[in-house]
Amino acid sequence: MVIKKRWLTGLLLLLVPAWPGAAPAAQLHLTWTDNSYNEAGFQIERRMGTTGTLTPIITVGMNITAYVDPTVTAGITYCYQVRAFNAGGASAPSNVVCRQGQ
């Protein structure tokens, strides 16, 4: 299976406010747009702070478009990006979005 990059480009990553009823522990909610048609899943990458290298933190399955990161610390800035992947490789990354843990 080969990734058609024209279908996997344009991933849009968003950080959204806490969902109603969210636990008081620090967490960040990510959502993205699934523009691919043949992904096996999405790899979420993160870094602490606004500079440095993004590293994979979790992989989610195909057609998933949201993730709650429960491993953040309140007051620390985290930056994220998402990549679609399949057996042929990975897409270009989404935009990078940064926000403080809440």
PDB file of N, CA and C in Angstrom:
ATOM      1  N   MET A   1       0.840  -1.163   0.000  1.00  0.00           N
ATOM      2  CA  MET A   1       0.000   0.000   0.000  1.00  0.00           C
ATOM      3  C   MET A   1       0.890   1.231   0.000  1.00  0.00           C
ATOM      4  N   VAL A   2       0.631   2.173  -0.859  1.00  0.00           N
ATOM      5  CA  VAL A   2       1.428   3.384  -0.968  1.00  0.00           C
ATOM      6  C   VAL A   2       0.584   4.560  -0.531  1.00  0.00           C
ATOM      7  N   ILE A   3       1.159   5.415   0.277  1.00  0.00           N
ATOM      8  CA  ILE A   3       0.441   6.614   0.696  1.00  0.00           C
ATOM      9  C   ILE A   3       0.430   7.602  -0.459  1.00  0.00           C
ATOM     10  N   LYS A   4      -0.717   8.081  -0.769  1.00  0.00           N
ATOM     11  CA  LYS A   4      -0.867   9.131  -1.765  1.00  0.00           C
ATOM     12  C   LYS A   4      -0.771  10.457  -1.022  1.00  0.00           C
ATOM     13  N   LYS A   5       0.380  11.093  -1.092  1.00  0.00           N
ATOM     14  CA  LYS A   5       0.593  12.293  -0.289  1.00  0.00           C
ATOM     15  C   LYS A   5      -0.408  13.386  -0.599  1.00  0.00           C
ATOM     16  N   ARG A   6      -0.939  13.408  -1.800  1.00  0.00           N
ATOM     17  CA  ARG A   6      -1.921  14.445  -2.090  1.00  0.00           C
ATOM     18  C   ARG A   6      -3.158  14.279  -1.234  1.00  0.00           C
ATOM     19  N   TRP A   7      -3.406  13.076  -0.760  1.00  0.00           N
ATOM     20  CA  TRP A   7      -4.562  12.827   0.112  1.00  0.00           C
ATOM     21  C   TRP A   7      -4.215  13.009   1.578  1.00  0.00           C
ATOM     22  N   LEU A   8      -2.948  12.907   1.914  1.00  0.00           N
ATOM     23  CA  LEU A   8      -2.566  12.975   3.315  1.00  0.00           C
ATOM     24  C   LEU A   8      -2.035  14.334   3.722  1.00  0.00           C
ATOM     25  N   THR A   9      -1.816  15.204   2.796  1.00  0.00           N
ATOM     26  CA  THR A   9      -1.361  16.528   3.171  1.00  0.00           C
ATOM     27  C   THR A   9      -2.545  17.315   3.704  1.00  0.00           C
ATOM     28  N   GLY A  10      -2.260  18.368   4.372  1.00  0.00           N
ATOM     29  CA  GLY A  10      -3.318  19.227   4.864  1.00  0.00           C
ATOM     30  C   GLY A  10      -3.929  18.768   6.169  1.00  0.00           C
ATOM     31  N   LEU A  11      -3.237  17.902   6.924  1.00  0.00           N
ATOM     32  CA  LEU A  11      -3.733  17.572   8.249  1.00  0.00           C
ATOM     33  C   LEU A  11      -3.754  18.861   9.060  1.00  0.00           C
ATOM     34  N   LEU A  12      -4.822  19.104   9.761  1.00  0.00           N
ATOM     35  CA  LEU A  12      -4.949  20.310  10.566  1.00  0.00           C
ATOM     36  C   LEU A  12      -5.127  19.894  12.008  1.00  0.00           C
ATOM     37  N   LEU A  13      -4.200  20.270  12.845  1.00  0.00           N
ATOM     38  CA  LEU A  13      -4.226  19.916  14.255  1.00  0.00           C
ATOM     39  C   LEU A  13      -4.737  21.100  15.050  1.00  0.00           C
ATOM     40  N   LEU A  14      -5.653  20.847  15.958  1.00  0.00           N
ATOM     41  CA  LEU A  14      -6.206  21.889  16.813  1.00  0.00           C
ATOM     42  C   LEU A  14      -6.119  21.455  18.259  1.00  0.00           C
ATOM     43  N   LEU A  15      -5.916  22.406  19.148  1.00  0.00           N
ATOM     44  CA  LEU A  15      -6.059  22.160  20.581  1.00  0.00           C
ATOM     45  C   LEU A  15      -7.358  22.818  20.987  1.00  0.00           C
ATOM     46  N   VAL A  16      -8.215  22.068  21.628  1.00  0.00           N
ATOM     47  CA  VAL A  16      -9.532  22.584  21.992  1.00  0.00           C
ATOM     48  C   VAL A  16      -9.647  22.704  23.501  1.00  0.00           C
ATOM     49  N   PRO A  17     -10.544  23.577  23.983  1.00  0.00           N
ATOM     50  CA  PRO A  17     -10.724  23.715  25.425  1.00  0.00           C
ATOM     51  C   PRO A  17     -11.180  22.397  26.042  1.00  0.00           C
ATOM     52  N   ALA A  18     -11.028  22.311  27.351  1.00  0.00           N
ATOM     53  CA  ALA A  18     -11.447  21.096  28.065  1.00  0.00           C
ATOM     54  C   ALA A  18     -12.897  20.774  27.753  1.00  0.00           C
ATOM     55  N   TRP A  19     -13.151  19.499  27.566  1.00  0.00           N
ATOM     56  CA  TRP A  19     -14.507  19.051  27.292  1.00  0.00           C
ATOM     57  C   TRP A  19     -15.331  19.158  28.555  1.00  0.00           C
ATOM     58  N   PRO A  20     -16.641  19.372  28.448  1.00  0.00           N
ATOM     59  CA  PRO A  20     -17.485  19.439  29.635  1.00  0.00           C
ATOM     60  C   PRO A  20     -17.309  18.170  30.476  1.00  0.00           C
ATOM     61  N   GLY A  21     -17.222  18.357  31.761  1.00  0.00           N
ATOM     62  CA  GLY A  21     -17.083  17.211  32.654  1.00  0.00           C
ATOM     63  C   GLY A  21     -15.671  16.659  32.712  1.00  0.00           C
ATOM     64  N   ALA A  22     -14.697  17.395  32.156  1.00  0.00           N
ATOM     65  CA  ALA A  22     -13.321  16.902  32.159  1.00  0.00           C
ATOM     66  C   ALA A  22     -12.793  16.815  33.583  1.00  0.00           C
ATOM     67  N   ALA A  23     -11.952  15.848  33.817  1.00  0.00           N
ATOM     68  CA  ALA A  23     -11.355  15.667  35.139  1.00  0.00           C
ATOM     69  C   ALA A  23     -10.464  16.859  35.469  1.00  0.00           C
ATOM     70  N   PRO A  24     -10.284  17.177  36.750  1.00  0.00           N
ATOM     71  CA  PRO A  24      -9.470  18.336  37.112  1.00  0.00           C
ATOM     72  C   PRO A  24      -7.975  18.138  36.892  1.00  0.00           C
ATOM     73  N   ALA A  25      -7.509  16.916  36.628  1.00  0.00           N
ATOM     74  CA  ALA A  25      -6.090  16.686  36.362  1.00  0.00           C
ATOM     75  C   ALA A  25      -5.691  17.406  35.077  1.00  0.00           C
ATOM     76  N   ALA A  26      -4.402  17.779  34.973  1.00  0.00           N
ATOM     77  CA  ALA A  26      -3.921  18.470  33.776  1.00  0.00           C
ATOM     78  C   ALA A  26      -4.033  17.558  32.565  1.00  0.00           C
ATOM     79  N   GLN A  27      -4.521  18.109  31.471  1.00  0.00           N
ATOM     80  CA  GLN A  27      -4.615  17.375  30.217  1.00  0.00           C
ATOM     81  C   GLN A  27      -4.827  18.354  29.082  1.00  0.00           C
ATOM     82  N   LEU A  28      -4.507  17.919  27.861  1.00  0.00           N
ATOM     83  CA  LEU A  28      -4.749  18.713  26.661  1.00  0.00           C
ATOM     84  C   LEU A  28      -5.546  17.869  25.684  1.00  0.00           C
ATOM     85  N   HIS A  29      -6.489  18.505  25.006  1.00  0.00           N
ATOM     86  CA  HIS A  29      -7.351  17.837  24.042  1.00  0.00           C
ATOM     87  C   HIS A  29      -6.936  18.251  22.640  1.00  0.00           C
ATOM     88  N   LEU A  30      -6.606  17.272  21.798  1.00  0.00           N
ATOM     89  CA  LEU A  30      -6.203  17.543  20.423  1.00  0.00           C
ATOM     90  C   LEU A  30      -7.275  17.015  19.482  1.00  0.00           C
ATOM     91  N   THR A  31      -7.507  17.733  18.403  1.00  0.00           N
ATOM     92  CA  THR A  31      -8.358  17.239  17.321  1.00  0.00           C
ATOM     93  C   THR A  31      -7.672  17.569  16.008  1.00  0.00           C
ATOM     94  N   TRP A  32      -7.956  16.770  14.981  1.00  0.00           N
ATOM     95  CA  TRP A  32      -7.392  17.026  13.659  1.00  0.00           C
ATOM     96  C   TRP A  32      -8.381  16.582  12.606  1.00  0.00           C
ATOM     97  N   THR A  33      -8.135  17.023  11.395  1.00  0.00           N
ATOM     98  CA  THR A  33      -8.971  16.666  10.256  1.00  0.00           C
ATOM     99  C   THR A  33      -8.342  15.487   9.533  1.00  0.00           C
ATOM    100  N   ASP A  34      -9.133  14.454   9.286  1.00  0.00           N
ATOM    101  CA  ASP A  34      -8.667  13.268   8.563  1.00  0.00           C
ATOM    102  C   ASP A  34      -8.919  13.487   7.078  1.00  0.00           C
ATOM    103  N   ASN A  35      -7.851  13.882   6.343  1.00  0.00           N
ATOM    104  CA  ASN A  35      -7.961  14.116   4.907  1.00  0.00           C
ATOM    105  C   ASN A  35      -7.458  12.933   4.092  1.00  0.00           C
ATOM    106  N   SER A  36      -7.138  11.838   4.750  1.00  0.00           N
ATOM    107  CA  SER A  36      -6.596  10.683   4.052  1.00  0.00           C
ATOM    108  C   SER A  36      -7.682   9.648   3.813  1.00  0.00           C
ATOM    109  N   TYR A  37      -7.454   8.787   2.862  1.00  0.00           N
ATOM    110  CA  TYR A  37      -8.434   7.753   2.544  1.00  0.00           C
ATOM    111  C   TYR A  37      -7.871   6.353   2.761  1.00  0.00           C
ATOM    112  N   ASN A  38      -6.576   6.245   3.036  1.00  0.00           N
ATOM    113  CA  ASN A  38      -5.976   4.918   3.160  1.00  0.00           C
ATOM    114  C   ASN A  38      -5.013   4.804   4.336  1.00  0.00           C
ATOM    115  N   GLU A  39      -5.250   5.584   5.377  1.00  0.00           N
ATOM    116  CA  GLU A  39      -4.352   5.532   6.524  1.00  0.00           C
ATOM    117  C   GLU A  39      -4.614   4.281   7.361  1.00  0.00           C
ATOM    118  N   ALA A  40      -3.553   3.823   8.016  1.00  0.00           N
ATOM    119  CA  ALA A  40      -3.687   2.753   9.005  1.00  0.00           C
ATOM    120  C   ALA A  40      -3.871   3.358  10.391  1.00  0.00           C
ATOM    121  N   GLY A  41      -3.470   4.615  10.528  1.00  0.00           N
ATOM    122  CA  GLY A  41      -3.612   5.314  11.796  1.00  0.00           C
ATOM    123  C   GLY A  41      -2.891   6.642  11.760  1.00  0.00           C
ATOM    124  N   PHE A  42      -2.765   7.238  12.937  1.00  0.00           N
ATOM    125  CA  PHE A  42      -2.110   8.529  13.084  1.00  0.00           C
ATOM    126  C   PHE A  42      -1.099   8.460  14.217  1.00  0.00           C
ATOM    127  N   GLN A  43       0.067   9.048  13.979  1.00  0.00           N
ATOM    128  CA  GLN A  43       1.092   9.129  15.006  1.00  0.00           C
ATOM    129  C   GLN A  43       1.084  10.549  15.555  1.00  0.00           C
ATOM    130  N   ILE A  44       0.975  10.669  16.864  1.00  0.00           N
ATOM    131  CA  ILE A  44       0.978  11.969  17.528  1.00  0.00           C
ATOM    132  C   ILE A  44       2.363  12.193  18.108  1.00  0.00           C
ATOM    133  N   GLU A  45       2.925  13.357  17.799  1.00  0.00           N
ATOM    134  CA  GLU A  45       4.257  13.712  18.268  1.00  0.00           C
ATOM    135  C   GLU A  45       4.146  14.937  19.168  1.00  0.00           C
ATOM    136  N   ARG A  46       5.044  15.027  20.161  1.00  0.00           N
ATOM    137  CA  ARG A  46       4.966  16.118  21.138  1.00  0.00           C
ATOM    138  C   ARG A  46       6.361  16.541  21.568  1.00  0.00           C
ATOM    139  N   ARG A  47       6.465  17.800  21.998  1.00  0.00           N
ATOM    140  CA  ARG A  47       7.672  18.287  22.658  1.00  0.00           C
ATOM    141  C   ARG A  47       7.240  19.214  23.791  1.00  0.00           C
ATOM    142  N   MET A  48       8.088  19.309  24.789  1.00  0.00           N
ATOM    143  CA  MET A  48       7.869  20.290  25.855  1.00  0.00           C
ATOM    144  C   MET A  48       8.564  21.567  25.419  1.00  0.00           C
ATOM    145  N   GLY A  49       7.861  22.668  25.473  1.00  0.00           N
ATOM    146  CA  GLY A  49       8.414  23.951  25.060  1.00  0.00           C
ATOM    147  C   GLY A  49       8.200  24.194  23.581  1.00  0.00           C
ATOM    148  N   THR A  50       8.527  25.403  23.152  1.00  0.00           N
ATOM    149  CA  THR A  50       8.257  25.800  21.769  1.00  0.00           C
ATOM    150  C   THR A  50       9.404  25.516  20.810  1.00  0.00           C
ATOM    151  N   THR A  51      10.532  25.037  21.333  1.00  0.00           N
ATOM    152  CA  THR A  51      11.646  24.673  20.458  1.00  0.00           C
ATOM    153  C   THR A  51      12.094  23.259  20.791  1.00  0.00           C
ATOM    154  N   GLY A  52      12.823  22.667  19.885  1.00  0.00           N
ATOM    155  CA  GLY A  52      13.329  21.325  20.103  1.00  0.00           C
ATOM    156  C   GLY A  52      12.679  20.325  19.170  1.00  0.00           C
ATOM    157  N   THR A  53      12.951  19.065  19.419  1.00  0.00           N
ATOM    158  CA  THR A  53      12.503  17.982  18.553  1.00  0.00           C
ATOM    159  C   THR A  53      11.186  17.401  19.041  1.00  0.00           C
ATOM    160  N   LEU A  54      10.274  17.190  18.117  1.00  0.00           N
ATOM    161  CA  LEU A  54       9.028  16.494  18.431  1.00  0.00           C
ATOM    162  C   LEU A  54       9.303  15.001  18.404  1.00  0.00           C
ATOM    163  N   THR A  55       8.798  14.276  19.388  1.00  0.00           N
ATOM    164  CA  THR A  55       8.986  12.827  19.445  1.00  0.00           C
ATOM    165  C   THR A  55       7.632  12.137  19.563  1.00  0.00           C
ATOM    166  N   PRO A  56       7.504  10.947  18.998  1.00  0.00           N
ATOM    167  CA  PRO A  56       6.228  10.228  19.064  1.00  0.00           C
ATOM    168  C   PRO A  56       5.840   9.924  20.510  1.00  0.00           C
ATOM    169  N   ILE A  57       4.541  10.143  20.822  1.00  0.00           N
ATOM    170  CA  ILE A  57       4.058   9.792  22.160  1.00  0.00           C
ATOM    171  C   ILE A  57       2.993   8.701  22.111  1.00  0.00           C
ATOM    172  N   ILE A  58       2.260   8.609  21.007  1.00  0.00           N
ATOM    173  CA  ILE A  58       1.209   7.594  20.904  1.00  0.00           C
ATOM    174  C   ILE A  58       0.781   7.455  19.448  1.00  0.00           C
ATOM    175  N   THR A  59       0.273   6.281  19.117  1.00  0.00           N
ATOM    176  CA  THR A  59      -0.316   6.014  17.805  1.00  0.00           C
ATOM    177  C   THR A  59      -1.773   5.656  18.026  1.00  0.00           C
ATOM    178  N   VAL A  60      -2.655   6.239  17.217  1.00  0.00           N
ATOM    179  CA  VAL A  60      -4.078   5.916  17.286  1.00  0.00           C
ATOM    180  C   VAL A  60      -4.510   5.325  15.953  1.00  0.00           C
ATOM    181  N   GLY A  61      -5.634   4.648  15.935  1.00  0.00           N
ATOM    182  CA  GLY A  61      -6.090   3.943  14.749  1.00  0.00           C
ATOM    183  C   GLY A  61      -6.663   4.834  13.665  1.00  0.00           C
ATOM    184  N   MET A  62      -7.000   4.180  12.547  1.00  0.00           N
ATOM    185  CA  MET A  62      -7.562   4.901  11.407  1.00  0.00           C
ATOM    186  C   MET A  62      -8.907   5.519  11.789  1.00  0.00           C
ATOM    187  N   ASN A  63      -9.197   6.640  11.147  1.00  0.00           N
ATOM    188  CA  ASN A  63     -10.434   7.401  11.321  1.00  0.00           C
ATOM    189  C   ASN A  63     -10.584   8.020  12.703  1.00  0.00           C
ATOM    190  N   ILE A  64      -9.572   7.942  13.540  1.00  0.00           N
ATOM    191  CA  ILE A  64      -9.590   8.626  14.828  1.00  0.00           C
ATOM    192  C   ILE A  64      -9.163  10.070  14.572  1.00  0.00           C
ATOM    193  N   THR A  65      -9.865  11.039  15.151  1.00  0.00           N
ATOM    194  CA  THR A  65      -9.531  12.446  14.910  1.00  0.00           C
ATOM    195  C   THR A  65      -9.421  13.247  16.201  1.00  0.00           C
ATOM    196  N   ALA A  66      -9.228  12.578  17.321  1.00  0.00           N
ATOM    197  CA  ALA A  66      -9.077  13.283  18.597  1.00  0.00           C
ATOM    198  C   ALA A  66      -8.249  12.439  19.552  1.00  0.00           C
ATOM    199  N   TYR A  67      -7.587  13.120  20.460  1.00  0.00           N
ATOM    200  CA  TYR A  67      -6.792  12.456  21.489  1.00  0.00           C
ATOM    201  C   TYR A  67      -6.705  13.375  22.695  1.00  0.00           C
ATOM    202  N   VAL A  68      -6.819  12.832  23.882  1.00  0.00           N
ATOM    203  CA  VAL A  68      -6.628  13.572  25.123  1.00  0.00           C
ATOM    204  C   VAL A  68      -5.288  13.144  25.702  1.00  0.00           C
ATOM    205  N   ASP A  69      -4.387  14.098  25.877  1.00  0.00           N
ATOM    206  CA  ASP A  69      -3.078  13.807  26.453  1.00  0.00           C
ATOM    207  C   ASP A  69      -3.167  14.005  27.962  1.00  0.00           C
ATOM    208  N   PRO A  70      -3.215  12.908  28.715  1.00  0.00           N
ATOM    209  CA  PRO A  70      -3.345  13.015  30.167  1.00  0.00           C
ATOM    210  C   PRO A  70      -2.003  13.124  30.886  1.00  0.00           C
ATOM    211  N   THR A  71      -0.899  13.204  30.129  1.00  0.00           N
ATOM    212  CA  THR A  71       0.428  13.164  30.740  1.00  0.00           C
ATOM    213  C   THR A  71       1.075  14.539  30.853  1.00  0.00           C
ATOM    214  N   VAL A  72       0.314  15.607  30.673  1.00  0.00           N
ATOM    215  CA  VAL A  72       0.875  16.959  30.736  1.00  0.00           C
ATOM    216  C   VAL A  72       0.884  17.477  32.175  1.00  0.00           C
ATOM    217  N   THR A  73       1.685  18.493  32.375  1.00  0.00           N
ATOM    218  CA  THR A  73       1.749  19.180  33.663  1.00  0.00           C
ATOM    219  C   THR A  73       1.193  20.581  33.484  1.00  0.00           C
ATOM    220  N   ALA A  74       0.319  20.993  34.383  1.00  0.00           N
ATOM    221  CA  ALA A  74      -0.275  22.329  34.312  1.00  0.00           C
ATOM    222  C   ALA A  74       0.825  23.381  34.293  1.00  0.00           C
ATOM    223  N   GLY A  75       0.643  24.380  33.416  1.00  0.00           N
ATOM    224  CA  GLY A  75       1.576  25.494  33.334  1.00  0.00           C
ATOM    225  C   GLY A  75       2.761  25.287  32.413  1.00  0.00           C
ATOM    226  N   ILE A  76       2.985  24.075  31.923  1.00  0.00           N
ATOM    227  CA  ILE A  76       4.088  23.803  30.995  1.00  0.00           C
ATOM    228  C   ILE A  76       3.538  23.805  29.576  1.00  0.00           C
ATOM    229  N   THR A  77       4.268  24.436  28.650  1.00  0.00           N
ATOM    230  CA  THR A  77       3.847  24.486  27.251  1.00  0.00           C
ATOM    231  C   THR A  77       4.249  23.210  26.535  1.00  0.00           C
ATOM    232  N   TYR A  78       3.309  22.650  25.772  1.00  0.00           N
ATOM    233  CA  TYR A  78       3.537  21.457  24.960  1.00  0.00           C
ATOM    234  C   TYR A  78       3.171  21.778  23.522  1.00  0.00           C
ATOM    235  N   CYS A  79       3.930  21.231  22.584  1.00  0.00           N
ATOM    236  CA  CYS A  79       3.655  21.410  21.162  1.00  0.00           C
ATOM    237  C   CYS A  79       3.416  20.039  20.536  1.00  0.00           C
ATOM    238  N   TYR A  80       2.479  19.977  19.585  1.00  0.00           N
ATOM    239  CA  TYR A  80       2.068  18.712  18.977  1.00  0.00           C
ATOM    240  C   TYR A  80       2.023  18.827  17.460  1.00  0.00           C
ATOM    241  N   GLN A  81       2.193  17.686  16.808  1.00  0.00           N
ATOM    242  CA  GLN A  81       1.878  17.540  15.389  1.00  0.00           C
ATOM    243  C   GLN A  81       1.429  16.105  15.168  1.00  0.00           C
ATOM    244  N   VAL A  82       0.734  15.874  14.057  1.00  0.00           N
ATOM    245  CA  VAL A  82       0.162  14.561  13.745  1.00  0.00           C
ATOM    246  C   VAL A  82       0.607  14.155  12.348  1.00  0.00           C
ATOM    247  N   ARG A  83       0.858  12.861  12.162  1.00  0.00           N
ATOM    248  CA  ARG A  83       1.183  12.296  10.846  1.00  0.00           C
ATOM    249  C   ARG A  83       0.281  11.098  10.600  1.00  0.00           C
ATOM    250  N   ALA A  84      -0.296  11.012   9.413  1.00  0.00           N
ATOM    251  CA  ALA A  84      -1.001   9.799   9.002  1.00  0.00           C
ATOM    252  C   ALA A  84       0.049   8.797   8.538  1.00  0.00           C
ATOM    253  N   PHE A  85      -0.250   7.509   8.686  1.00  0.00           N
ATOM    254  CA  PHE A  85       0.692   6.491   8.212  1.00  0.00           C
ATOM    255  C   PHE A  85      -0.065   5.274   7.718  1.00  0.00           C
ATOM    256  N   ASN A  86       0.617   4.488   6.886  1.00  0.00           N
ATOM    257  CA  ASN A  86       0.154   3.161   6.474  1.00  0.00           C
ATOM    258  C   ASN A  86       1.399   2.334   6.150  1.00  0.00           C
ATOM    259  N   ALA A  87       1.220   1.171   5.561  1.00  0.00           N
ATOM    260  CA  ALA A  87       2.348   0.288   5.280  1.00  0.00           C
ATOM    261  C   ALA A  87       3.369   0.923   4.341  1.00  0.00           C
ATOM    262  N   GLY A  88       2.963   1.915   3.563  1.00  0.00           N
ATOM    263  CA  GLY A  88       3.861   2.572   2.630  1.00  0.00           C
ATOM    264  C   GLY A  88       4.690   3.688   3.241  1.00  0.00           C
ATOM    265  N   GLY A  89       4.394   4.087   4.474  1.00  0.00           N
ATOM    266  CA  GLY A  89       5.146   5.163   5.105  1.00  0.00           C
ATOM    267  C   GLY A  89       4.238   6.155   5.800  1.00  0.00           C
ATOM    268  N   ALA A  90       4.787   7.328   6.040  1.00  0.00           N
ATOM    269  CA  ALA A  90       4.068   8.375   6.767  1.00  0.00           C
ATOM    270  C   ALA A  90       3.883   9.603   5.902  1.00  0.00           C
ATOM    271  N   SER A  91       2.841  10.348   6.218  1.00  0.00           N
ATOM    272  CA  SER A  91       2.569  11.591   5.505  1.00  0.00           C
ATOM    273  C   SER A  91       3.472  12.699   6.008  1.00  0.00           C
ATOM    274  N   ALA A  92       3.408  13.822   5.345  1.00  0.00           N
ATOM    275  CA  ALA A  92       4.023  15.031   5.875  1.00  0.00           C
ATOM    276  C   ALA A  92       3.293  15.365   7.175  1.00  0.00           C
ATOM    277  N   PRO A  93       3.956  16.029   8.104  1.00  0.00           N
ATOM    278  CA  PRO A  93       3.304  16.330   9.373  1.00  0.00           C
ATOM    279  C   PRO A  93       2.265  17.445   9.233  1.00  0.00           C
ATOM    280  N   SER A  94       1.369  17.469  10.204  1.00  0.00           N
ATOM    281  CA  SER A  94       0.415  18.566  10.302  1.00  0.00           C
ATOM    282  C   SER A  94       1.157  19.822  10.729  1.00  0.00           C
ATOM    283  N   ASN A  95       0.424  20.901  10.868  1.00  0.00           N
ATOM    284  CA  ASN A  95       0.986  22.090  11.490  1.00  0.00           C
ATOM    285  C   ASN A  95       1.325  21.765  12.947  1.00  0.00           C
ATOM    286  N   VAL A  96       2.199  22.547  13.546  1.00  0.00           N
ATOM    287  CA  VAL A  96       2.552  22.385  14.954  1.00  0.00           C
ATOM    288  C   VAL A  96       1.687  23.359  15.755  1.00  0.00           C
ATOM    289  N   VAL A  97       1.086  22.845  16.822  1.00  0.00           N
ATOM    290  CA  VAL A  97       0.246  23.661  17.688  1.00  0.00           C
ATOM    291  C   VAL A  97       0.782  23.552  19.108  1.00  0.00           C
ATOM    292  N   CYS A  98       0.883  24.700  19.798  1.00  0.00           N
ATOM    293  CA  CYS A  98       1.421  24.727  21.162  1.00  0.00           C
ATOM    294  C   CYS A  98       0.390  25.318  22.116  1.00  0.00           C
ATOM    295  N   ARG A  99       0.393  24.778  23.350  1.00  0.00           N
ATOM    296  CA  ARG A  99      -0.510  25.289  24.384  1.00  0.00           C
ATOM    297  C   ARG A  99      -0.017  24.815  25.742  1.00  0.00           C
ATOM    298  N   GLN A 100      -0.361  25.564  26.765  1.00  0.00           N
ATOM    299  CA  GLN A 100       0.010  25.179  28.130  1.00  0.00           C
ATOM    300  C   GLN A 100      -0.936  24.106  28.652  1.00  0.00           C
ATOM    301  N   GLY A 101      -0.370  23.173  29.418  1.00  0.00           N
ATOM    302  CA  GLY A 101      -1.187  22.175  30.086  1.00  0.00           C
ATOM    303  C   GLY A 101      -2.133  22.874  31.059  1.00  0.00           C
ATOM    304  N   GLN A 102      -3.351  22.353  31.137  1.00  0.00           N
ATOM    305  CA  GLN A 102      -4.366  22.955  32.005  1.00  0.00           C
ATOM    306  C   GLN A 102      -4.927  21.920  32.928  1.00  0.00           C
TER     307      GLN A 102
END
